[in-house]
């Protein structure tokens, strides 16, 4: 197998994109009231979470004062933030303006914006914003925002929501294939608009689901890094660092049961283990009651504790690429 000689942090990044395995523990908050969401966020940060997702979809419109309220008391350099919503670019500009007004070091700002017309809009709603005037304007607005955030190396703008395929019943291979195809489509569209490949590739984030297929999921993340590195490499970037795949993992919603919900804790644990062993940038374990109820404080606590246990008791974050060299997993990765 030709990639076996490479180390973590070396092209084609099968063994990891950096010399470590300290993934971020992520939880998502649905923002109905900015003040209440801020209180919830601060409580999560004091409970071991260091990556926060804010879903702004329930809000009809987002104002600058809403962003101020939402981020009050949050030490931005200490946490990764992810924002998703409907009216993407204006909200993203307000958040960027807020960050710039704080005078932070640009490398200390870790923010992900969820712009994904190919997967989220086309796959879920049957709406594709490309090919007409509105679609062109949509991509032009995103290209403009990518230019605005160009100096922020850790701000990602485009999010390939591969977990949607998995939760719709796709196989692991299909999820990987469709996600990489969508990611490549973004590369094509944005580079055709005049953006350099090194900038575009750095602005893309992948979100994958993790199912209970334990070893195959490990191989999926390792293969994803290999395949994406080779896709980007064909565009001849100035630096191999542009070929790194930024992966966020989310445990499967598709296989959760409503009839015996505590079984979901066990499934979530093995799924989280797959992601931790494979090496991901961030991991969200869904609450065990996610499939049938508004998650409770108890179910949220159990979900984040699964990641905390993998770190502080099993010490998975202390080993780079634990699967490396294992014949079975290496063979699955190659196949």
Protein backbone atom coordinates (compact mmCIF):
# COMPACT_ATOMS: atom_id res chain seq x y z
CA UNK A 1 0.00 0.00 0.00
CA UNK A 2 1.73 3.12 -1.28
CA UNK A 3 0.70 5.51 1.50
CA UNK A 4 1.99 3.38 4.39
CA UNK A 5 5.33 5.22 4.52
CA UNK A 6 3.72 8.63 5.19
CA UNK A 7 3.49 10.04 8.71
CA UNK A 8 0.76 12.15 10.31
CA UNK A 9 0.83 15.66 8.87
CA UNK A 10 2.44 14.47 5.62
CA UNK A 11 0.77 14.24 2.20
CA UNK A 12 -1.58 12.43 1.48
CA UNK A 13 -2.64 12.83 5.15
CA UNK A 14 -4.08 9.33 5.59
CA UNK A 15 -2.66 9.25 9.12
CA UNK A 16 -3.99 12.72 9.98
CA UNK A 17 -3.62 16.31 8.88
CA UNK A 18 -1.51 17.38 11.85
CA UNK A 19 0.78 15.93 14.48
CA UNK A 20 -1.90 15.28 17.10
CA UNK A 21 -5.35 13.82 17.75
CA UNK A 22 -7.00 16.31 20.10
CA UNK A 23 -10.47 16.62 18.57
CA UNK A 24 -12.89 19.39 19.60
CA UNK A 25 -16.00 18.38 21.57
CA UNK A 26 -18.96 19.92 19.75
CA UNK A 27 -22.60 20.56 20.67
CA UNK A 28 -25.25 22.49 18.75
CA UNK A 29 -27.70 25.05 20.15
CA UNK A 30 -30.91 26.00 18.36
CA UNK A 31 -31.13 29.79 18.71
CA UNK A 32 -34.68 30.97 19.32
CA UNK A 33 -33.72 33.70 21.80
CA UNK A 34 -30.11 35.02 21.66
CA UNK A 35 -29.98 35.66 25.42
CA UNK A 36 -31.21 32.17 26.32
CA UNK A 37 -28.84 30.62 23.74
CA UNK A 38 -25.93 32.58 25.23
CA UNK A 39 -26.72 31.27 28.72
CA UNK A 40 -26.89 27.73 27.37
CA UNK A 41 -23.60 28.21 25.51
CA UNK A 42 -21.78 29.43 28.62
CA UNK A 43 -23.10 26.45 30.57
CA UNK A 44 -21.85 24.07 27.88
CA UNK A 45 -18.41 25.69 27.86
CA UNK A 46 -18.18 25.15 31.61
CA UNK A 47 -19.10 21.49 31.11
CA UNK A 48 -16.24 20.47 28.82
CA UNK A 49 -17.47 21.58 25.38
CA UNK A 50 -14.95 23.57 23.32
CA UNK A 51 -16.79 23.73 19.99
CA UNK A 52 -20.21 25.39 19.78
CA UNK A 53 -22.73 25.24 16.96
CA UNK A 54 -25.38 27.97 16.68
CA UNK A 55 -28.34 27.09 14.45
CA UNK A 56 -29.96 30.43 13.60
CA UNK A 57 -32.73 28.89 11.46
CA UNK A 58 -35.55 29.50 14.02
CA UNK A 59 -34.89 33.27 13.87
CA UNK A 60 -36.67 35.18 11.10
CA UNK A 61 -33.96 37.84 10.94
CA UNK A 62 -30.64 38.34 12.70
CA UNK A 63 -29.47 41.80 13.79
CA UNK A 64 -26.04 42.97 14.92
CA UNK A 65 -27.28 43.31 18.51
CA UNK A 66 -28.42 39.65 18.39
CA UNK A 67 -24.83 38.63 17.55
CA UNK A 68 -23.53 40.80 20.43
CA UNK A 69 -25.95 39.11 22.85
CA UNK A 70 -25.19 35.63 21.51
CA UNK A 71 -21.42 35.97 21.91
CA UNK A 72 -21.38 37.89 25.20
CA UNK A 73 -18.92 36.37 27.68
CA UNK A 74 -17.58 33.80 25.18
CA UNK A 75 -13.78 33.84 24.85
CA UNK A 76 -13.53 33.39 21.10
CA UNK A 77 -9.84 32.30 20.99
CA UNK A 78 -10.68 29.42 23.37
CA UNK A 79 -13.58 27.95 21.39
CA UNK A 80 -14.53 26.95 17.85
CA UNK A 81 -17.83 28.42 16.62
CA UNK A 82 -20.11 27.15 13.85
CA UNK A 83 -23.01 29.19 12.48
CA UNK A 84 -25.81 27.85 10.28
CA UNK A 85 -28.91 29.66 9.12
CA UNK A 86 -31.05 30.71 6.21
CA UNK A 87 -29.86 34.22 5.31
CA UNK A 88 -26.20 33.25 5.18
CA UNK A 89 -24.00 36.05 3.82
CA UNK A 90 -25.44 39.11 5.66
CA UNK A 91 -25.27 37.21 8.96
CA UNK A 92 -21.72 36.02 8.24
CA UNK A 93 -20.64 39.60 7.52
CA UNK A 94 -22.09 40.78 10.84
CA UNK A 95 -20.24 38.04 12.71
CA UNK A 96 -16.98 38.86 10.93
CA UNK A 97 -17.44 42.57 11.70
CA UNK A 98 -18.00 41.68 15.37
CA UNK A 99 -14.79 39.62 15.43
CA UNK A 100 -12.79 42.37 13.72
CA UNK A 101 -14.05 44.94 16.21
CA UNK A 102 -12.59 42.83 19.03
CA UNK A 103 -9.06 43.14 17.61
CA UNK A 104 -8.25 39.44 17.98
CA UNK A 105 -5.25 37.70 16.44
CA UNK A 106 -6.47 36.30 13.15
CA UNK A 107 -5.09 32.82 13.80
CA UNK A 108 -7.02 32.69 17.09
CA UNK A 109 -10.38 32.95 15.32
CA UNK A 110 -11.89 29.51 14.57
CA UNK A 111 -15.30 29.94 12.91
CA UNK A 112 -17.25 27.75 10.47
CA UNK A 113 -20.11 29.06 8.35
CA UNK A 114 -22.50 26.55 6.82
CA UNK A 115 -23.02 27.49 3.17
CA UNK A 116 -24.03 24.36 1.26
CA UNK A 117 -26.45 24.81 -1.68
CA UNK A 118 -25.43 21.56 -3.37
CA UNK A 119 -26.10 19.15 -0.51
CA UNK A 120 -28.42 20.94 1.94
CA UNK A 121 -30.60 22.80 -0.57
CA UNK A 122 -30.56 20.41 -3.53
CA UNK A 123 -30.69 17.11 -1.61
CA UNK A 124 -33.15 18.15 1.09
CA UNK A 125 -35.34 20.71 -0.70
CA UNK A 126 -34.83 19.98 -4.41
CA UNK A 127 -33.75 23.60 -4.88
CA UNK A 128 -30.48 24.26 -6.70
CA UNK A 129 -29.38 27.87 -6.73
CA UNK A 130 -26.97 27.43 -9.64
CA UNK A 131 -27.58 28.00 -13.31
CA UNK A 132 -29.79 31.08 -13.01
CA UNK A 133 -29.26 34.73 -12.11
CA UNK A 134 -30.16 34.18 -8.46
CA UNK A 135 -27.74 31.27 -8.25
CA UNK A 136 -24.91 33.27 -9.79
CA UNK A 137 -25.54 36.10 -7.33
CA UNK A 138 -25.53 33.55 -4.49
CA UNK A 139 -22.08 32.25 -5.43
CA UNK A 140 -20.77 35.76 -6.09
CA UNK A 141 -21.81 36.76 -2.56
CA UNK A 142 -20.01 33.74 -1.11
CA UNK A 143 -16.91 34.41 -3.23
CA UNK A 144 -16.93 38.00 -1.93
CA UNK A 145 -17.16 36.74 1.66
CA UNK A 146 -14.30 34.30 1.08
CA UNK A 147 -12.19 37.26 -0.06
CA UNK A 148 -13.22 39.25 3.04
CA UNK A 149 -12.14 36.40 5.31
CA UNK A 150 -9.04 35.46 3.29
CA UNK A 151 -6.63 36.54 6.03
CA UNK A 152 -8.38 34.35 8.59
CA UNK A 153 -6.85 30.93 7.93
CA UNK A 154 -9.18 29.20 10.40
CA UNK A 155 -12.47 30.60 9.11
CA UNK A 156 -14.28 28.10 6.88
CA UNK A 157 -17.14 29.23 4.69
CA UNK A 158 -18.37 26.26 2.63
CA UNK A 159 -19.71 23.21 4.47
CA UNK A 160 -20.22 19.89 2.64
CA UNK A 161 -22.98 18.22 4.68
CA UNK A 162 -22.21 14.59 3.86
CA UNK A 163 -24.10 13.41 6.93
CA UNK A 164 -27.33 14.17 5.03
CA UNK A 165 -26.55 11.31 2.63
CA UNK A 166 -25.83 8.89 5.47
CA UNK A 167 -28.97 9.82 7.39
CA UNK A 168 -30.98 9.32 4.19
CA UNK A 169 -29.78 5.71 4.08
CA UNK A 170 -26.70 5.84 1.85
CA UNK A 171 -23.85 3.38 2.27
CA UNK A 172 -20.50 4.54 3.64
CA UNK A 173 -18.99 4.43 0.14
CA UNK A 174 -21.90 6.46 -1.30
CA UNK A 175 -21.63 9.08 1.45
CA UNK A 176 -17.92 9.43 0.77
CA UNK A 177 -18.35 9.57 -3.02
CA UNK A 178 -21.23 12.08 -3.02
CA UNK A 179 -19.52 14.32 -0.45
CA UNK A 180 -16.22 14.45 -2.34
CA UNK A 181 -18.10 15.10 -5.60
CA UNK A 182 -19.93 18.02 -3.98
CA UNK A 183 -16.68 19.36 -2.52
CA UNK A 184 -15.05 19.17 -5.94
CA UNK A 185 -18.00 21.01 -7.48
CA UNK A 186 -17.39 23.87 -5.05
CA UNK A 187 -13.71 23.90 -6.06
CA UNK A 188 -14.71 24.18 -9.73
CA UNK A 189 -17.31 26.92 -9.27
CA UNK A 190 -15.24 29.12 -6.96
CA UNK A 191 -11.97 28.81 -8.89
CA UNK A 192 -13.86 29.64 -12.10
CA UNK A 193 -14.86 32.89 -10.35
CA UNK A 194 -11.19 33.81 -10.08
CA UNK A 195 -10.38 32.64 -6.55
CA UNK A 196 -7.03 30.83 -6.13
CA UNK A 197 -7.15 27.13 -5.30
CA UNK A 198 -5.14 27.60 -2.09
CA UNK A 199 -7.77 30.00 -0.76
CA UNK A 200 -10.82 27.99 -1.86
CA UNK A 201 -9.54 24.67 -0.50
CA UNK A 202 -8.82 26.25 2.90
CA UNK A 203 -12.39 27.51 3.14
CA UNK A 204 -14.10 24.10 2.76
CA UNK A 205 -15.24 21.95 5.69
CA UNK A 206 -16.67 18.44 5.46
CA UNK A 207 -19.30 17.08 7.84
CA UNK A 208 -19.67 13.30 7.88
CA UNK A 209 -21.99 11.02 9.84
CA UNK A 210 -20.53 8.12 11.83
CA UNK A 211 -22.58 4.93 11.81
CA UNK A 212 -22.18 1.78 13.90
CA UNK A 213 -20.11 0.06 11.18
CA UNK A 214 -17.08 0.33 13.44
CA UNK A 215 -14.05 -0.47 11.25
CA UNK A 216 -15.53 0.80 7.98
CA UNK A 217 -16.09 4.23 9.54
CA UNK A 218 -12.44 4.39 10.59
CA UNK A 219 -11.41 3.52 7.05
CA UNK A 220 -13.84 6.11 5.63
CA UNK A 221 -12.19 9.08 7.34
CA UNK A 222 -8.70 7.85 6.45
CA UNK A 223 -9.72 7.29 2.81
CA UNK A 224 -11.48 10.68 2.70
CA UNK A 225 -8.24 12.46 3.60
CA UNK A 226 -6.32 10.50 0.96
CA UNK A 227 -8.88 11.12 -1.80
CA UNK A 228 -9.43 14.81 -1.05
CA UNK A 229 -5.67 15.43 -0.92
CA UNK A 230 -5.29 13.92 -4.39
CA UNK A 231 -8.27 15.88 -5.77
CA UNK A 232 -6.87 19.22 -4.59
CA UNK A 233 -3.32 18.28 -5.64
CA UNK A 234 -4.46 18.12 -9.29
CA UNK A 235 -5.15 21.87 -9.13
CA UNK A 236 -1.45 22.45 -8.36
CA UNK A 237 -1.77 24.45 -5.12
CA UNK A 238 1.26 26.44 -3.99
CA UNK A 239 1.36 24.50 -0.70
CA UNK A 240 0.44 20.89 0.16
CA UNK A 241 -1.28 22.27 3.28
CA UNK A 242 -4.16 23.25 1.00
CA UNK A 243 -4.78 19.54 0.38
CA UNK A 244 -5.76 18.83 3.99
CA UNK A 245 -9.34 17.73 4.60
CA UNK A 246 -11.08 19.40 7.55
CA UNK A 247 -13.55 16.83 8.91
CA UNK A 248 -16.34 17.27 11.43
CA UNK A 249 -18.00 14.02 12.58
CA UNK A 250 -21.56 13.67 13.85
CA UNK A 251 -22.95 10.41 15.19
CA UNK A 252 -25.70 8.86 13.10
CA UNK A 253 -29.31 9.99 13.46
CA UNK A 254 -30.49 7.33 11.01
CA UNK A 255 -29.96 4.33 13.28
CA UNK A 256 -31.32 5.82 16.50
CA UNK A 257 -34.23 3.88 18.01
CA UNK A 258 -37.22 5.42 19.77
CA UNK A 259 -38.31 2.09 21.32
CA UNK A 260 -35.23 1.47 23.47
CA UNK A 261 -33.53 4.88 23.63
CA UNK A 262 -30.77 3.92 26.08
CA UNK A 263 -29.35 1.62 23.39
CA UNK A 264 -28.57 4.85 21.54
CA UNK A 265 -25.97 5.62 24.23
CA UNK A 266 -24.09 2.44 23.28
CA UNK A 267 -24.35 3.16 19.57
CA UNK A 268 -23.18 6.72 20.10
CA UNK A 269 -20.17 5.49 22.06
CA UNK A 270 -18.93 3.06 19.40
CA UNK A 271 -19.56 5.66 16.70
CA UNK A 272 -17.58 8.25 18.66
CA UNK A 273 -14.77 5.72 19.09
CA UNK A 274 -14.59 5.19 15.31
CA UNK A 275 -14.24 8.92 14.73
CA UNK A 276 -11.70 9.37 17.53
CA UNK A 277 -9.52 6.50 16.30
CA UNK A 278 -9.76 7.68 12.67
CA UNK A 279 -8.82 11.24 13.62
CA UNK A 280 -11.29 14.13 13.14
CA UNK A 281 -11.13 17.85 13.84
CA UNK A 282 -14.35 17.92 15.83
CA UNK A 283 -16.97 15.45 17.02
CA UNK A 284 -20.62 15.84 17.96
CA UNK A 285 -22.31 12.95 19.76
CA UNK A 286 -26.08 13.29 19.36
CA UNK A 287 -28.20 13.00 22.53
CA UNK A 288 -29.78 9.54 22.90
CA UNK A 289 -33.30 11.03 22.66
CA UNK A 290 -32.52 13.12 19.55
CA UNK A 291 -34.79 11.07 17.28
CA UNK A 292 -38.08 11.58 19.14
CA UNK A 293 -37.89 14.51 21.56
CA UNK A 294 -36.33 17.86 22.35
CA UNK A 295 -33.10 16.68 24.03
CA UNK A 296 -32.98 17.20 27.80
CA UNK A 297 -30.13 18.53 29.92
CA UNK A 298 -29.46 14.93 31.00
CA UNK A 299 -29.20 13.57 27.45
CA UNK A 300 -26.92 16.46 26.42
CA UNK A 301 -24.67 15.72 29.42
CA UNK A 302 -24.43 12.02 28.56
CA UNK A 303 -23.61 12.90 24.93
CA UNK A 304 -20.69 15.18 25.74
CA UNK A 305 -19.47 12.86 28.49
CA UNK A 306 -18.99 10.12 25.89
CA UNK A 307 -16.34 12.29 24.24
CA UNK A 308 -14.87 13.36 27.57
CA UNK A 309 -14.53 9.72 28.68
CA UNK A 310 -12.75 8.81 25.43
CA UNK A 311 -10.28 11.60 26.14
CA UNK A 312 -9.76 11.62 29.88
CA UNK A 313 -10.19 7.93 30.74
CA UNK A 314 -9.34 6.08 27.51
CA UNK A 315 -6.72 8.67 26.41
CA UNK A 316 -7.54 8.30 22.71
CA UNK A 317 -6.37 11.87 22.19
CA UNK A 318 -2.86 10.87 23.29
CA UNK A 319 -2.28 8.55 20.30
CA UNK A 320 -1.87 9.73 16.71
CA UNK A 321 -3.61 7.40 14.24
CA UNK A 322 -4.14 4.35 16.50
CA UNK A 323 -5.38 2.42 13.43
CA UNK A 324 -2.16 3.01 11.49
CA UNK A 325 -0.46 -0.21 10.42
CA UNK A 326 -3.40 -2.44 11.36
CA UNK A 327 -3.68 -4.80 8.38
CA UNK A 328 -7.48 -4.96 8.37
CA UNK A 329 -8.06 -1.19 8.61
CA UNK A 330 -5.28 -0.34 6.15
CA UNK A 331 -6.79 -2.83 3.68
CA UNK A 332 -10.26 -1.31 4.15
CA UNK A 333 -8.80 2.17 3.66
CA UNK A 334 -7.16 1.13 0.38
CA UNK A 335 -10.25 -0.70 -0.93
